[in-house]
Amino acid sequence: MRSEAIMSSYVLNGAIVGSDDATVFDLISKPPIYEVVRVVAGRPLFLEDHLDRMYNSGSLIGYDIGFTRDEVKGFCSKCIEENGIENNNIKLMAVEDDFGDKRFIVMAIESFYPPKSYYKEGIKTTLLDHQRDNPNAKIQHGDYKQRVKDAMEKADAFEVLLKNGEGFILEGSRSNMFYIIDGRVYTAPSTDVLLGITRKHIIRLCRDIGYEVEEKKLHIDEMNSVDGMFISGTSIGVLPITYVDSYVLGSVNNPVIKKLLDAYESMIYKTLG
């Protein structure tokens, strides 16, 4: 496995290791359970939610992570403090190495936060035929990442939207997807997608500002009825979609999406105190 660690060090089972030492990564060939957590003003955002999902992912595939939640929170704090992280993502990985020893790694990784222009103009997405084997478990697969990368480069797109064999668009490759029809907010059923942390908070936000969210699959044949779409995720928050391949959407001017953008930004400030 290739190391993604940046900055001066990462945390391995609670110990500080210099980022130039990739020994442990050479001993890992299994796909890890992982989470990517955004650090804002030196604080990990929605960490408890990420840990809930991480331990649930372990349960779904019958893997014991081997460390308590308090230990993991300590690993995160140590990584943030040792590297002086103010605004960047950290990645949490739980896996057994090739000798059967449990490894838990917390590292700062390359992070991209969309500029304001992306929110004002919207993004371009492209469709990829793919369905996750176990949608609720967040497990890293190298072949899938390469397919996504190739599709994005070919279409010059910011994100790939996954379409299953029945023609339903369910989620993004690294995000959840919402769509608006006649002023109503929809997203794919929880059983069919990775349960994004930001997705959870957006659903709650929608209800707080007066919009119920209905879980309903979007078929490709319904695209002409869609008034707006957006993706959600750790690094992007609420990001409007202007293009889905040849489909053009008025997402950036959609009143529901505009209201959600403001509400999400306000929520982040309140969460951080």
Protein backbone atom coordinates (compact mmCIF):
# COMPACT_ATOMS: atom_id res chain seq x y z
CA MET A 1 0.00 0.00 0.00
CA ARG A 2 1.23 3.48 -0.85
CA SER A 3 1.57 5.94 2.02
CA GLU A 4 -0.61 9.06 1.74
CA ALA A 5 0.92 10.75 4.78
CA ILE A 6 1.95 14.37 4.42
CA MET A 7 3.33 16.84 6.97
CA SER A 8 6.02 15.68 9.40
CA SER A 9 4.52 12.57 10.99
CA TYR A 10 1.64 10.14 11.33
CA VAL A 11 0.33 8.08 14.24
CA LEU A 12 0.62 4.28 14.21
CA ASN A 13 -1.13 2.44 17.06
CA GLY A 14 -0.59 5.53 19.18
CA ALA A 15 3.11 6.04 18.35
CA ILE A 16 4.49 8.98 16.38
CA VAL A 17 6.23 7.92 13.16
CA GLY A 18 8.03 10.21 10.72
CA SER A 19 6.23 10.53 7.40
CA ASP A 20 9.39 9.50 5.56
CA ASP A 21 9.12 6.04 7.18
CA ALA A 22 6.69 4.03 5.03
CA THR A 23 7.63 0.61 6.44
CA VAL A 24 4.17 -0.20 7.80
CA PHE A 25 2.49 0.60 4.48
CA ASP A 26 4.75 -1.93 2.73
CA LEU A 27 3.32 -4.60 5.04
CA ILE A 28 -0.33 -3.91 4.18
CA SER A 29 -1.96 -5.54 1.17
CA LYS A 30 -5.55 -5.86 2.48
CA PRO A 31 -8.11 -3.10 1.84
CA PRO A 32 -8.47 -1.03 5.03
CA ILE A 33 -11.56 0.33 6.72
CA TYR A 34 -11.13 4.08 6.64
CA GLU A 35 -12.58 7.48 7.37
CA VAL A 36 -11.57 10.95 6.19
CA VAL A 37 -12.21 13.65 8.79
CA ARG A 38 -11.99 17.37 8.15
CA VAL A 39 -10.07 19.41 10.70
CA VAL A 40 -11.30 23.00 11.01
CA ALA A 41 -9.57 25.48 13.32
CA GLY A 42 -7.62 22.59 14.82
CA ARG A 43 -10.73 20.54 15.65
CA PRO A 44 -11.94 17.34 13.94
CA LEU A 45 -15.42 17.98 12.53
CA PHE A 46 -18.15 15.40 13.31
CA LEU A 47 -15.55 12.97 14.74
CA GLU A 48 -18.10 11.01 16.79
CA ASP A 49 -20.19 10.45 13.65
CA HIS A 50 -17.14 9.24 11.74
CA LEU A 51 -16.25 6.79 14.51
CA ASP A 52 -19.82 5.47 14.57
CA ARG A 53 -19.54 4.71 10.87
CA MET A 54 -16.04 3.25 11.13
CA TYR A 55 -16.97 0.78 13.84
CA ASN A 56 -20.16 -0.07 11.95
CA SER A 57 -18.09 -0.78 8.82
CA GLY A 58 -15.99 -3.17 10.90
CA SER A 59 -19.10 -4.94 12.17
CA LEU A 60 -20.52 -5.30 8.66
CA ILE A 61 -17.47 -7.23 7.45
CA GLY A 62 -16.78 -9.03 10.75
CA TYR A 63 -13.59 -7.13 11.59
CA ASP A 64 -12.64 -6.10 15.13
CA ILE A 65 -10.83 -2.76 14.92
CA GLY A 66 -8.92 -3.63 18.08
CA PHE A 67 -8.82 -0.18 19.68
CA THR A 68 -11.39 1.66 21.77
CA ARG A 69 -13.08 4.85 20.64
CA ASP A 70 -11.21 6.80 23.31
CA GLU A 71 -7.91 5.41 22.08
CA VAL A 72 -8.74 6.37 18.51
CA LYS A 73 -9.76 9.88 19.57
CA GLY A 74 -6.41 10.14 21.32
CA PHE A 75 -4.61 9.05 18.14
CA CYS A 76 -6.45 11.80 16.22
CA SER A 77 -5.58 14.46 18.79
CA LYS A 78 -1.94 13.39 18.74
CA CYS A 79 -1.75 13.60 14.93
CA ILE A 80 -3.37 17.05 14.91
CA GLU A 81 -1.15 18.39 17.70
CA GLU A 82 2.13 16.91 16.44
CA ASN A 83 1.62 18.36 12.96
CA GLY A 84 0.00 21.64 14.05
CA ILE A 85 -2.99 20.97 11.80
CA GLU A 86 -5.44 23.86 11.57
CA ASN A 87 -7.35 23.24 8.32
CA ASN A 88 -6.73 19.95 6.57
CA ASN A 89 -8.14 16.44 6.34
CA ILE A 90 -6.89 13.51 8.37
CA LYS A 91 -7.37 9.89 7.34
CA LEU A 92 -8.10 7.11 9.83
CA MET A 93 -7.30 3.54 8.70
CA ALA A 94 -7.92 0.24 10.48
CA VAL A 95 -6.43 -2.93 8.97
CA GLU A 96 -4.46 -6.09 9.65
CA ASP A 97 -0.98 -6.21 8.13
CA ASP A 98 0.33 -9.21 6.22
CA PHE A 99 1.47 -10.84 9.49
CA GLY A 100 -1.98 -10.57 11.11
CA ASP A 101 -1.12 -7.64 13.42
CA LYS A 102 -3.75 -4.94 13.85
CA ARG A 103 -2.72 -1.51 12.64
CA PHE A 104 -4.50 1.78 13.21
CA ILE A 105 -3.07 4.74 11.33
CA VAL A 106 -4.01 8.43 11.54
CA MET A 107 -2.34 10.73 9.04
CA ALA A 108 -2.72 14.12 7.43
CA ILE A 109 -3.45 13.73 3.72
CA GLU A 110 -3.54 15.95 0.66
CA SER A 111 -6.79 17.92 0.86
CA PHE A 112 -8.70 19.95 -1.69
CA TYR A 113 -11.45 22.37 -0.75
CA PRO A 114 -13.40 23.78 -3.70
CA PRO A 115 -12.95 27.52 -4.34
CA LYS A 116 -15.95 29.85 -4.07
CA SER A 117 -16.34 29.83 -7.86
CA TYR A 118 -17.39 26.17 -7.74
CA TYR A 119 -20.31 27.05 -5.47
CA LYS A 120 -21.31 30.03 -7.62
CA GLU A 121 -21.01 28.28 -10.99
CA GLY A 122 -21.61 24.63 -10.07
CA ILE A 123 -19.54 21.61 -11.05
CA LYS A 124 -19.39 19.12 -13.89
CA THR A 125 -20.07 15.43 -13.15
CA THR A 126 -20.05 12.30 -15.27
CA LEU A 127 -21.83 8.96 -14.94
CA LEU A 128 -20.10 5.65 -14.28
CA ASP A 129 -21.77 2.25 -14.30
CA HIS A 130 -20.93 0.83 -10.88
CA GLN A 131 -22.62 -0.47 -7.74
CA ARG A 132 -20.89 -1.03 -4.40
CA ASP A 133 -20.92 -4.61 -3.10
CA ASN A 134 -21.53 -3.43 0.47
CA PRO A 135 -22.72 0.20 0.23
CA ASN A 136 -22.74 0.92 4.00
CA ALA A 137 -19.15 -0.27 4.63
CA LYS A 138 -16.39 2.23 3.86
CA ILE A 139 -13.54 0.07 2.54
CA GLN A 140 -10.73 1.24 0.27
CA HIS A 141 -10.41 -0.59 -3.07
CA GLY A 142 -7.60 0.38 -5.44
CA ASP A 143 -9.20 -0.88 -8.68
CA TYR A 144 -12.38 1.13 -8.01
CA LYS A 145 -10.37 4.29 -7.34
CA GLN A 146 -8.57 3.87 -10.66
CA ARG A 147 -11.83 3.45 -12.61
CA VAL A 148 -13.17 6.62 -11.01
CA LYS A 149 -10.00 8.55 -11.75
CA ASP A 150 -10.02 7.45 -15.39
CA ALA A 151 -13.70 8.44 -15.82
CA MET A 152 -13.16 11.89 -14.29
CA GLU A 153 -10.12 12.58 -16.44
CA LYS A 154 -11.88 11.46 -19.62
CA ALA A 155 -14.88 13.73 -18.96
CA ASP A 156 -12.88 16.55 -17.30
CA ALA A 157 -15.33 16.23 -14.39
CA PHE A 158 -15.04 17.10 -10.71
CA GLU A 159 -16.97 14.00 -9.56
CA VAL A 160 -18.35 10.71 -10.85
CA LEU A 161 -21.96 9.77 -10.16
CA LEU A 162 -22.52 6.02 -9.82
CA LYS A 163 -25.31 4.46 -11.90
CA ASN A 164 -26.35 0.88 -11.19
CA GLY A 165 -27.35 -1.81 -13.66
CA GLU A 166 -31.01 -0.77 -13.51
CA GLY A 167 -30.23 2.81 -14.53
CA PHE A 168 -30.56 4.45 -11.10
CA ILE A 169 -28.13 7.21 -10.12
CA LEU A 170 -27.41 6.59 -6.44
CA GLU A 171 -24.39 8.55 -5.17
CA GLY A 172 -21.04 10.03 -6.02
CA SER A 173 -17.75 8.14 -5.93
CA ARG A 174 -16.73 10.11 -2.82
CA SER A 175 -19.95 11.93 -2.02
CA ASN A 176 -23.68 11.59 -1.54
CA MET A 177 -26.11 13.02 -4.08
CA PHE A 178 -29.34 14.98 -3.56
CA TYR A 179 -31.79 16.21 -6.17
CA ILE A 180 -34.71 18.63 -6.30
CA ILE A 181 -37.97 18.10 -8.19
CA ASP A 182 -40.83 20.63 -7.82
CA GLY A 183 -39.32 22.10 -4.65
CA ARG A 184 -38.95 18.72 -2.91
CA VAL A 185 -35.64 17.26 -1.77
CA TYR A 186 -34.75 13.66 -2.58
CA THR A 187 -31.78 11.38 -2.00
CA ALA A 188 -31.12 7.67 -2.58
CA PRO A 189 -32.32 5.16 0.05
CA SER A 190 -29.99 4.60 3.00
CA THR A 191 -29.70 0.89 2.18
CA ASP A 192 -28.22 1.63 -1.26
CA VAL A 193 -25.46 4.13 -0.48
CA LEU A 194 -22.58 4.86 1.83
CA LEU A 195 -24.11 6.77 4.73
CA GLY A 196 -22.19 10.02 4.51
CA ILE A 197 -21.68 12.05 7.67
CA THR A 198 -22.42 15.29 5.83
CA ARG A 199 -25.49 13.62 4.28
CA LYS A 200 -26.87 12.95 7.77
CA HIS A 201 -26.45 16.57 8.83
CA ILE A 202 -27.91 17.91 5.58
CA ILE A 203 -31.04 15.81 6.01
CA ARG A 204 -31.43 17.26 9.50
CA LEU A 205 -30.76 20.78 8.19
CA CYS A 206 -33.39 20.41 5.47
CA ARG A 207 -36.00 19.58 8.07
CA ASP A 208 -34.89 22.47 10.27
CA ILE A 209 -35.44 24.97 7.43
CA GLY A 210 -38.73 23.47 6.33
CA TYR A 211 -37.93 20.83 3.69
CA GLU A 212 -38.66 17.15 4.21
CA VAL A 213 -36.21 14.77 2.54
CA GLU A 214 -37.63 11.71 0.80
CA GLU A 215 -35.45 8.68 0.09
CA LYS A 216 -36.12 7.80 -3.53
CA LYS A 217 -33.91 6.53 -6.34
CA LEU A 218 -33.37 8.75 -9.35
CA HIS A 219 -33.58 6.95 -12.69
CA ILE A 220 -31.59 8.26 -15.62
CA ASP A 221 -34.87 8.62 -17.57
CA GLU A 222 -36.07 11.17 -14.96
CA MET A 223 -33.17 13.58 -15.44
CA ASN A 224 -35.24 16.00 -17.55
CA SER A 225 -37.58 16.49 -14.56
CA VAL A 226 -34.79 17.46 -12.15
CA ASP A 227 -34.63 21.15 -11.18
CA GLY A 228 -31.34 20.93 -9.34
CA MET A 229 -28.75 18.55 -7.90
CA PHE A 230 -25.93 18.78 -5.42
CA ILE A 231 -23.35 16.52 -3.83
CA SER A 232 -22.30 16.50 -0.20
CA GLY A 233 -19.13 15.37 1.51
CA THR A 234 -16.44 15.98 4.09
CA SER A 235 -14.37 18.46 2.07
CA ILE A 236 -17.12 20.01 -0.03
CA GLY A 237 -20.15 20.55 2.21
CA VAL A 238 -23.02 21.34 -0.17
CA LEU A 239 -21.77 21.65 -3.77
CA PRO A 240 -24.21 22.38 -6.65
CA ILE A 241 -24.07 20.35 -9.88
CA THR A 242 -24.44 22.20 -13.19
CA TYR A 243 -23.60 19.34 -15.57
CA VAL A 244 -24.28 15.60 -15.50
CA ASP A 245 -22.60 14.66 -18.78
CA SER A 246 -24.88 16.34 -21.40
CA TYR A 247 -27.63 17.30 -18.92
CA VAL A 248 -27.56 20.96 -17.85
CA LEU A 249 -29.11 21.95 -14.51
CA GLY A 250 -29.98 25.26 -12.87
CA SER A 251 -28.74 24.13 -9.48
CA VAL A 252 -26.83 27.31 -8.57
CA ASN A 253 -30.02 29.37 -8.81
CA ASN A 254 -32.32 26.82 -7.21
CA PRO A 255 -33.87 28.45 -4.09
CA VAL A 256 -33.76 25.24 -2.04
CA ILE A 257 -30.07 24.67 -2.73
CA LYS A 258 -29.18 28.33 -2.11
CA LYS A 259 -30.94 28.21 1.25
CA LEU A 260 -29.16 24.99 2.18
CA LEU A 261 -25.76 26.44 1.31
CA ASP A 262 -26.27 29.28 3.78
CA ALA A 263 -27.72 26.98 6.45
CA TYR A 264 -24.83 24.52 6.20
CA GLU A 265 -22.20 27.24 6.57
CA SER A 266 -23.99 28.60 9.64
CA MET A 267 -24.18 25.10 11.14
CA ILE A 268 -20.41 24.58 10.81
CA TYR A 269 -19.71 27.80 12.72
CA LYS A 270 -22.13 26.79 15.46
CA THR A 271 -20.65 23.27 15.68
CA LEU A 272 -17.17 24.67 16.20
CA GLY A 273 -18.43 27.15 18.77
